[in-house]
């Protein structure tokens, strides 16, 4: 059983169960199973150690999950892009 301060989460790509210390909330890691870049989730009611995008460092508004500067989604650990027509 993980320590009380650990965050339990799963890789959105391969569903590998993972855990990390709470002080790593908001950081991006590589899934050890599938090598997908994923963001360690921030537990509800807490603030990540850094209030910036884990990918580019740009400031994020409280509660944001998408960086408007680089398109990084903190929940999936992926960059989102759109194509305008």
PDB file of N, CA and C in Angstrom:
ATOM      1  N   UNK A   1       0.844  -1.182   0.000  1.00  0.00           N
ATOM      2  CA  UNK A   1       0.000   0.000   0.000  1.00  0.00           C
ATOM      3  C   UNK A   1       0.886   1.241   0.000  1.00  0.00           C
ATOM      4  N   UNK A   2       0.582   2.249  -0.860  1.00  0.00           N
ATOM      5  CA  UNK A   2       1.432   3.424  -0.935  1.00  0.00           C
ATOM      6  C   UNK A   2       1.293   4.289   0.307  1.00  0.00           C
ATOM      7  N   UNK A   3       2.330   5.119   0.546  1.00  0.00           N
ATOM      8  CA  UNK A   3       2.289   6.050   1.659  1.00  0.00           C
ATOM      9  C   UNK A   3       1.154   7.044   1.439  1.00  0.00           C
ATOM     10  N   UNK A   4       0.682   7.652   2.511  1.00  0.00           N
ATOM     11  CA  UNK A   4      -0.436   8.585   2.434  1.00  0.00           C
ATOM     12  C   UNK A   4      -0.161   9.752   1.492  1.00  0.00           C
ATOM     13  N   UNK A   5       1.087  10.141   1.330  1.00  0.00           N
ATOM     14  CA  UNK A   5       1.418  11.291   0.502  1.00  0.00           C
ATOM     15  C   UNK A   5       1.599  10.939  -0.979  1.00  0.00           C
ATOM     16  N   UNK A   6       1.514   9.670  -1.351  1.00  0.00           N
ATOM     17  CA  UNK A   6       1.687   9.290  -2.744  1.00  0.00           C
ATOM     18  C   UNK A   6       0.408   9.538  -3.549  1.00  0.00           C
ATOM     19  N   UNK A   7       0.586   9.828  -4.827  1.00  0.00           N
ATOM     20  CA  UNK A   7      -0.526  10.003  -5.759  1.00  0.00           C
ATOM     21  C   UNK A   7      -0.597   8.731  -6.599  1.00  0.00           C
ATOM     22  N   UNK A   8      -1.749   8.106  -6.638  1.00  0.00           N
ATOM     23  CA  UNK A   8      -1.965   6.923  -7.474  1.00  0.00           C
ATOM     24  C   UNK A   8      -2.695   7.353  -8.735  1.00  0.00           C
ATOM     25  N   UNK A   9      -2.217   6.885  -9.882  1.00  0.00           N
ATOM     26  CA  UNK A   9      -2.834   7.229 -11.161  1.00  0.00           C
ATOM     27  C   UNK A   9      -2.485   6.156 -12.177  1.00  0.00           C
ATOM     28  N   UNK A  10      -3.111   6.230 -13.340  1.00  0.00           N
ATOM     29  CA  UNK A  10      -2.856   5.267 -14.411  1.00  0.00           C
ATOM     30  C   UNK A  10      -2.442   5.994 -15.672  1.00  0.00           C
ATOM     31  N   UNK A  11      -1.638   5.338 -16.469  1.00  0.00           N
ATOM     32  CA  UNK A  11      -1.253   5.878 -17.768  1.00  0.00           C
ATOM     33  C   UNK A  11      -2.493   5.881 -18.662  1.00  0.00           C
ATOM     34  N   UNK A  12      -2.816   7.019 -19.292  1.00  0.00           N
ATOM     35  CA  UNK A  12      -3.999   7.065 -20.146  1.00  0.00           C
ATOM     36  C   UNK A  12      -3.851   6.243 -21.425  1.00  0.00           C
ATOM     37  N   UNK A  13      -2.638   5.878 -21.771  1.00  0.00           N
ATOM     38  CA  UNK A  13      -2.420   5.112 -23.002  1.00  0.00           C
ATOM     39  C   UNK A  13      -2.489   3.605 -22.762  1.00  0.00           C
ATOM     40  N   UNK A  14      -1.766   3.105 -21.747  1.00  0.00           N
ATOM     41  CA  UNK A  14      -1.688   1.655 -21.540  1.00  0.00           C
ATOM     42  C   UNK A  14      -2.346   1.188 -20.249  1.00  0.00           C
ATOM     43  N   UNK A  15      -2.824   2.126 -19.445  1.00  0.00           N
ATOM     44  CA  UNK A  15      -3.505   1.837 -18.186  1.00  0.00           C
ATOM     45  C   UNK A  15      -2.589   1.238 -17.116  1.00  0.00           C
ATOM     46  N   UNK A  16      -1.277   1.419 -17.274  1.00  0.00           N
ATOM     47  CA  UNK A  16      -0.323   0.961 -16.266  1.00  0.00           C
ATOM     48  C   UNK A  16      -0.583   1.711 -14.969  1.00  0.00           C
ATOM     49  N   UNK A  17      -0.700   0.999 -13.848  1.00  0.00           N
ATOM     50  CA  UNK A  17      -0.868   1.641 -12.540  1.00  0.00           C
ATOM     51  C   UNK A  17       0.460   2.241 -12.115  1.00  0.00           C
ATOM     52  N   UNK A  18       0.411   3.508 -11.683  1.00  0.00           N
ATOM     53  CA  UNK A  18       1.607   4.234 -11.287  1.00  0.00           C
ATOM     54  C   UNK A  18       1.353   4.957  -9.974  1.00  0.00           C
ATOM     55  N   UNK A  19       2.412   5.337  -9.299  1.00  0.00           N
ATOM     56  CA  UNK A  19       2.311   6.186  -8.123  1.00  0.00           C
ATOM     57  C   UNK A  19       3.546   7.072  -8.064  1.00  0.00           C
ATOM     58  N   UNK A  20       3.358   8.239  -7.460  1.00  0.00           N
ATOM     59  CA  UNK A  20       4.451   9.208  -7.351  1.00  0.00           C
ATOM     60  C   UNK A  20       4.259  10.004  -6.070  1.00  0.00           C
ATOM     61  N   UNK A  21       5.351  10.532  -5.515  1.00  0.00           N
ATOM     62  CA  UNK A  21       5.227  11.389  -4.336  1.00  0.00           C
ATOM     63  C   UNK A  21       4.390  12.623  -4.669  1.00  0.00           C
ATOM     64  N   UNK A  22       3.630  13.109  -3.703  1.00  0.00           N
ATOM     65  CA  UNK A  22       2.745  14.248  -3.940  1.00  0.00           C
ATOM     66  C   UNK A  22       3.498  15.505  -4.361  1.00  0.00           C
ATOM     67  N   UNK A  23       4.775  15.618  -3.993  1.00  0.00           N
ATOM     68  CA  UNK A  23       5.520  16.816  -4.383  1.00  0.00           C
ATOM     69  C   UNK A  23       5.870  16.826  -5.873  1.00  0.00           C
ATOM     70  N   UNK A  24       5.556  15.743  -6.593  1.00  0.00           N
ATOM     71  CA  UNK A  24       5.794  15.697  -8.033  1.00  0.00           C
ATOM     72  C   UNK A  24       4.533  16.027  -8.831  1.00  0.00           C
ATOM     73  N   UNK A  25       3.432  16.368  -8.160  1.00  0.00           N
ATOM     74  CA  UNK A  25       2.174  16.689  -8.842  1.00  0.00           C
ATOM     75  C   UNK A  25       2.394  17.766  -9.893  1.00  0.00           C
ATOM     76  N   UNK A  26       1.870  17.536 -11.089  1.00  0.00           N
ATOM     77  CA  UNK A  26       2.006  18.490 -12.183  1.00  0.00           C
ATOM     78  C   UNK A  26       3.218  18.272 -13.059  1.00  0.00           C
ATOM     79  N   UNK A  27       4.174  17.479 -12.603  1.00  0.00           N
ATOM     80  CA  UNK A  27       5.372  17.207 -13.413  1.00  0.00           C
ATOM     81  C   UNK A  27       5.057  16.177 -14.488  1.00  0.00           C
ATOM     82  N   UNK A  28       5.836  16.182 -15.542  1.00  0.00           N
ATOM     83  CA  UNK A  28       5.673  15.225 -16.622  1.00  0.00           C
ATOM     84  C   UNK A  28       6.723  14.132 -16.481  1.00  0.00           C
ATOM     85  N   UNK A  29       6.255  12.889 -16.595  1.00  0.00           N
ATOM     86  CA  UNK A  29       7.152  11.734 -16.545  1.00  0.00           C
ATOM     87  C   UNK A  29       6.895  10.856 -17.757  1.00  0.00           C
ATOM     88  N   UNK A  30       7.731   9.864 -17.940  1.00  0.00           N
ATOM     89  CA  UNK A  30       7.541   8.893 -19.006  1.00  0.00           C
ATOM     90  C   UNK A  30       7.016   7.615 -18.392  1.00  0.00           C
ATOM     91  N   UNK A  31       5.940   7.067 -18.954  1.00  0.00           N
ATOM     92  CA  UNK A  31       5.395   5.815 -18.456  1.00  0.00           C
ATOM     93  C   UNK A  31       6.456   4.729 -18.633  1.00  0.00           C
ATOM     94  N   UNK A  32       6.757   3.978 -17.579  1.00  0.00           N
ATOM     95  CA  UNK A  32       7.774   2.937 -17.703  1.00  0.00           C
ATOM     96  C   UNK A  32       7.335   1.768 -18.583  1.00  0.00           C
ATOM     97  N   UNK A  33       6.039   1.626 -18.812  1.00  0.00           N
ATOM     98  CA  UNK A  33       5.550   0.510 -19.620  1.00  0.00           C
ATOM     99  C   UNK A  33       5.511   0.839 -21.110  1.00  0.00           C
ATOM    100  N   UNK A  34       4.946   2.018 -21.471  1.00  0.00           N
ATOM    101  CA  UNK A  34       4.761   2.326 -22.895  1.00  0.00           C
ATOM    102  C   UNK A  34       5.539   3.551 -23.365  1.00  0.00           C
ATOM    103  N   UNK A  35       6.250   4.218 -22.462  1.00  0.00           N
ATOM    104  CA  UNK A  35       7.082   5.380 -22.765  1.00  0.00           C
ATOM    105  C   UNK A  35       6.297   6.617 -23.178  1.00  0.00           C
ATOM    106  N   UNK A  36       4.980   6.636 -22.915  1.00  0.00           N
ATOM    107  CA  UNK A  36       4.132   7.805 -23.165  1.00  0.00           C
ATOM    108  C   UNK A  36       4.489   8.897 -22.164  1.00  0.00           C
ATOM    109  N   UNK A  37       4.581  10.140 -22.611  1.00  0.00           N
ATOM    110  CA  UNK A  37       4.781  11.264 -21.693  1.00  0.00           C
ATOM    111  C   UNK A  37       3.447  11.552 -21.027  1.00  0.00           C
ATOM    112  N   UNK A  38       3.425  11.532 -19.701  1.00  0.00           N
ATOM    113  CA  UNK A  38       2.192  11.793 -18.968  1.00  0.00           C
ATOM    114  C   UNK A  38       2.473  12.738 -17.812  1.00  0.00           C
ATOM    115  N   UNK A  39       1.481  13.542 -17.481  1.00  0.00           N
ATOM    116  CA  UNK A  39       1.597  14.466 -16.355  1.00  0.00           C
ATOM    117  C   UNK A  39       1.068  13.781 -15.109  1.00  0.00           C
ATOM    118  N   UNK A  40       1.780  13.920 -14.016  1.00  0.00           N
ATOM    119  CA  UNK A  40       1.313  13.401 -12.733  1.00  0.00           C
ATOM    120  C   UNK A  40       0.157  14.293 -12.308  1.00  0.00           C
ATOM    121  N   UNK A  41      -1.011  13.702 -12.055  1.00  0.00           N
ATOM    122  CA  UNK A  41      -2.165  14.536 -11.730  1.00  0.00           C
ATOM    123  C   UNK A  41      -2.013  15.290 -10.417  1.00  0.00           C
ATOM    124  N   UNK A  42      -2.667  16.434 -10.352  1.00  0.00           N
ATOM    125  CA  UNK A  42      -2.698  17.236  -9.135  1.00  0.00           C
ATOM    126  C   UNK A  42      -3.964  16.834  -8.383  1.00  0.00           C
ATOM    127  N   UNK A  43      -3.830  16.324  -7.154  1.00  0.00           N
ATOM    128  CA  UNK A  43      -5.026  15.926  -6.404  1.00  0.00           C
ATOM    129  C   UNK A  43      -5.979  17.100  -6.224  1.00  0.00           C
ATOM    130  N   UNK A  44      -7.278  16.819  -6.250  1.00  0.00           N
ATOM    131  CA  UNK A  44      -8.299  17.857  -6.085  1.00  0.00           C
ATOM    132  C   UNK A  44      -8.057  18.616  -4.786  1.00  0.00           C
ATOM    133  N   UNK A  45      -8.202  19.928  -4.849  1.00  0.00           N
ATOM    134  CA  UNK A  45      -8.042  20.770  -3.670  1.00  0.00           C
ATOM    135  C   UNK A  45      -6.616  21.137  -3.340  1.00  0.00           C
ATOM    136  N   UNK A  46      -5.675  20.771  -4.214  1.00  0.00           N
ATOM    137  CA  UNK A  46      -4.275  21.121  -3.981  1.00  0.00           C
ATOM    138  C   UNK A  46      -3.747  21.908  -5.171  1.00  0.00           C
ATOM    139  N   UNK A  47      -2.591  22.490  -4.992  1.00  0.00           N
ATOM    140  CA  UNK A  47      -1.947  23.247  -6.063  1.00  0.00           C
ATOM    141  C   UNK A  47      -0.603  22.599  -6.328  1.00  0.00           C
ATOM    142  N   UNK A  48      -0.253  22.444  -7.582  1.00  0.00           N
ATOM    143  CA  UNK A  48       1.049  21.870  -7.943  1.00  0.00           C
ATOM    144  C   UNK A  48       2.162  22.757  -7.420  1.00  0.00           C
ATOM    145  N   UNK A  49       3.323  22.157  -7.187  1.00  0.00           N
ATOM    146  CA  UNK A  49       4.467  22.902  -6.668  1.00  0.00           C
ATOM    147  C   UNK A  49       4.794  24.087  -7.569  1.00  0.00           C
ATOM    148  N   UNK A  50       4.646  23.905  -8.857  1.00  0.00           N
ATOM    149  CA  UNK A  50       4.881  24.982  -9.803  1.00  0.00           C
ATOM    150  C   UNK A  50       3.561  25.323 -10.471  1.00  0.00           C
ATOM    151  N   UNK A  51       3.258  26.612 -10.604  1.00  0.00           N
ATOM    152  CA  UNK A  51       2.024  27.026 -11.255  1.00  0.00           C
ATOM    153  C   UNK A  51       2.300  27.302 -12.731  1.00  0.00           C
ATOM    154  N   UNK A  52       3.153  26.481 -13.329  1.00  0.00           N
ATOM    155  CA  UNK A  52       3.507  26.660 -14.724  1.00  0.00           C
ATOM    156  C   UNK A  52       3.323  25.388 -15.510  1.00  0.00           C
ATOM    157  N   UNK A  53       3.298  25.534 -16.814  1.00  0.00           N
ATOM    158  CA  UNK A  53       3.160  24.391 -17.705  1.00  0.00           C
ATOM    159  C   UNK A  53       4.371  23.478 -17.535  1.00  0.00           C
ATOM    160  N   UNK A  54       4.141  22.171 -17.306  1.00  0.00           N
ATOM    161  CA  UNK A  54       5.273  21.259 -17.165  1.00  0.00           C
ATOM    162  C   UNK A  54       6.072  21.090 -18.454  1.00  0.00           C
ATOM    163  N   UNK A  55       5.490  21.482 -19.595  1.00  0.00           N
ATOM    164  CA  UNK A  55       6.183  21.325 -20.862  1.00  0.00           C
ATOM    165  C   UNK A  55       7.009  22.554 -21.233  1.00  0.00           C
ATOM    166  N   UNK A  56       6.378  23.751 -21.156  1.00  0.00           N
ATOM    167  CA  UNK A  56       7.089  24.957 -21.604  1.00  0.00           C
ATOM    168  C   UNK A  56       7.383  25.954 -20.487  1.00  0.00           C
ATOM    169  N   UNK A  57       6.793  25.763 -19.299  1.00  0.00           N
ATOM    170  CA  UNK A  57       7.044  26.639 -18.173  1.00  0.00           C
ATOM    171  C   UNK A  57       6.185  27.892 -18.128  1.00  0.00           C
ATOM    172  N   UNK A  58       5.352  28.098 -19.131  1.00  0.00           N
ATOM    173  CA  UNK A  58       4.467  29.267 -19.149  1.00  0.00           C
ATOM    174  C   UNK A  58       3.474  29.187 -17.991  1.00  0.00           C
ATOM    175  N   UNK A  59       3.118  30.321 -17.405  1.00  0.00           N
ATOM    176  CA  UNK A  59       2.195  30.356 -16.269  1.00  0.00           C
ATOM    177  C   UNK A  59       0.831  29.797 -16.671  1.00  0.00           C
ATOM    178  N   UNK A  60       0.244  29.013 -15.771  1.00  0.00           N
ATOM    179  CA  UNK A  60      -1.090  28.463 -15.986  1.00  0.00           C
ATOM    180  C   UNK A  60      -2.045  29.070 -14.965  1.00  0.00           C
ATOM    181  N   UNK A  61      -3.251  29.368 -15.391  1.00  0.00           N
ATOM    182  CA  UNK A  61      -4.268  29.861 -14.466  1.00  0.00           C
ATOM    183  C   UNK A  61      -4.664  28.724 -13.530  1.00  0.00           C
ATOM    184  N   UNK A  62      -5.037  29.044 -12.286  1.00  0.00           N
ATOM    185  CA  UNK A  62      -5.455  27.993 -11.348  1.00  0.00           C
ATOM    186  C   UNK A  62      -6.575  27.136 -11.941  1.00  0.00           C
ATOM    187  N   UNK A  63      -6.415  25.832 -11.839  1.00  0.00           N
ATOM    188  CA  UNK A  63      -7.400  24.895 -12.353  1.00  0.00           C
ATOM    189  C   UNK A  63      -7.264  24.567 -13.823  1.00  0.00           C
ATOM    190  N   UNK A  64      -6.343  25.203 -14.524  1.00  0.00           N
ATOM    191  CA  UNK A  64      -6.167  24.945 -15.956  1.00  0.00           C
ATOM    192  C   UNK A  64      -5.595  23.561 -16.197  1.00  0.00           C
ATOM    193  N   UNK A  65      -6.017  22.942 -17.276  1.00  0.00           N
ATOM    194  CA  UNK A  65      -5.449  21.660 -17.684  1.00  0.00           C
ATOM    195  C   UNK A  65      -4.786  21.768 -19.056  1.00  0.00           C
ATOM    196  N   UNK A  66      -4.977  22.905 -19.741  1.00  0.00           N
ATOM    197  CA  UNK A  66      -4.426  23.085 -21.075  1.00  0.00           C
ATOM    198  C   UNK A  66      -3.606  24.362 -21.135  1.00  0.00           C
ATOM    199  N   UNK A  67      -2.374  24.241 -21.581  1.00  0.00           N
ATOM    200  CA  UNK A  67      -1.514  25.404 -21.759  1.00  0.00           C
ATOM    201  C   UNK A  67      -1.846  26.045 -23.103  1.00  0.00           C
ATOM    202  N   UNK A  68      -2.246  27.312 -23.066  1.00  0.00           N
ATOM    203  CA  UNK A  68      -2.591  27.995 -24.309  1.00  0.00           C
ATOM    204  C   UNK A  68      -1.353  28.396 -25.104  1.00  0.00           C
ATOM    205  N   UNK A  69      -0.191  28.344 -24.490  1.00  0.00           N
ATOM    206  CA  UNK A  69       1.040  28.701 -25.197  1.00  0.00           C
ATOM    207  C   UNK A  69       1.567  27.567 -26.073  1.00  0.00           C
ATOM    208  N   UNK A  70       1.554  26.338 -25.533  1.00  0.00           N
ATOM    209  CA  UNK A  70       2.137  25.230 -26.297  1.00  0.00           C
ATOM    210  C   UNK A  70       1.165  24.088 -26.581  1.00  0.00           C
ATOM    211  N   UNK A  71      -0.040  24.132 -25.994  1.00  0.00           N
ATOM    212  CA  UNK A  71      -1.022  23.083 -26.260  1.00  0.00           C
ATOM    213  C   UNK A  71      -0.868  21.844 -25.401  1.00  0.00           C
ATOM    214  N   UNK A  72      -0.043  21.901 -24.352  1.00  0.00           N
ATOM    215  CA  UNK A  72       0.164  20.734 -23.491  1.00  0.00           C
ATOM    216  C   UNK A  72      -1.041  20.539 -22.586  1.00  0.00           C
ATOM    217  N   UNK A  73      -1.585  19.315 -22.553  1.00  0.00           N
ATOM    218  CA  UNK A  73      -2.719  18.965 -21.691  1.00  0.00           C
ATOM    219  C   UNK A  73      -2.156  18.236 -20.478  1.00  0.00           C
ATOM    220  N   UNK A  74      -2.303  18.842 -19.294  1.00  0.00           N
ATOM    221  CA  UNK A  74      -1.701  18.270 -18.088  1.00  0.00           C
ATOM    222  C   UNK A  74      -2.351  16.968 -17.660  1.00  0.00           C
ATOM    223  N   UNK A  75      -3.575  16.705 -18.074  1.00  0.00           N
ATOM    224  CA  UNK A  75      -4.246  15.458 -17.710  1.00  0.00           C
ATOM    225  C   UNK A  75      -3.774  14.270 -18.526  1.00  0.00           C
ATOM    226  N   UNK A  76      -3.456  14.490 -19.791  1.00  0.00           N
ATOM    227  CA  UNK A  76      -3.054  13.395 -20.671  1.00  0.00           C
ATOM    228  C   UNK A  76      -1.541  13.344 -20.875  1.00  0.00           C
ATOM    229  N   UNK A  77      -0.872  14.463 -20.613  1.00  0.00           N
ATOM    230  CA  UNK A  77       0.566  14.511 -20.851  1.00  0.00           C
ATOM    231  C   UNK A  77       0.920  14.632 -22.318  1.00  0.00           C
ATOM    232  N   UNK A  78      -0.044  15.049 -23.127  1.00  0.00           N
ATOM    233  CA  UNK A  78       0.192  15.175 -24.570  1.00  0.00           C
ATOM    234  C   UNK A  78      -0.050  16.596 -25.021  1.00  0.00           C
ATOM    235  N   UNK A  79       0.550  16.942 -26.153  1.00  0.00           N
ATOM    236  CA  UNK A  79       0.296  18.226 -26.781  1.00  0.00           C
ATOM    237  C   UNK A  79      -0.916  18.079 -27.698  1.00  0.00           C
ATOM    238  N   UNK A  80      -1.783  19.041 -27.633  1.00  0.00           N
ATOM    239  CA  UNK A  80      -2.991  19.050 -28.457  1.00  0.00           C
ATOM    240  C   UNK A  80      -2.787  20.091 -29.544  1.00  0.00           C
ATOM    241  N   UNK A  81      -3.138  19.735 -30.735  1.00  0.00           N
ATOM    242  CA  UNK A  81      -3.035  20.715 -31.833  1.00  0.00           C
ATOM    243  C   UNK A  81      -4.348  20.723 -32.604  1.00  0.00           C
ATOM    244  N   UNK A  82      -4.622  21.848 -33.180  1.00  0.00           N
ATOM    245  CA  UNK A  82      -5.809  21.981 -34.012  1.00  0.00           C
ATOM    246  C   UNK A  82      -5.390  22.540 -35.351  1.00  0.00           C
ATOM    247  N   UNK A  83      -6.130  22.196 -36.343  1.00  0.00           N
ATOM    248  CA  UNK A  83      -5.862  22.726 -37.674  1.00  0.00           C
ATOM    249  C   UNK A  83      -7.047  23.572 -38.082  1.00  0.00           C
ATOM    250  N   UNK A  84      -6.788  24.837 -38.298  1.00  0.00           N
ATOM    251  CA  UNK A  84      -7.858  25.724 -38.712  1.00  0.00           C
ATOM    252  C   UNK A  84      -8.014  25.646 -40.212  1.00  0.00           C
ATOM    253  N   UNK A  85      -9.261  25.653 -40.671  1.00  0.00           N
ATOM    254  CA  UNK A  85      -9.488  25.593 -42.110  1.00  0.00           C
ATOM    255  C   UNK A  85      -9.979  26.903 -42.644  1.00  0.00           C
TER     256      UNK A  85
END
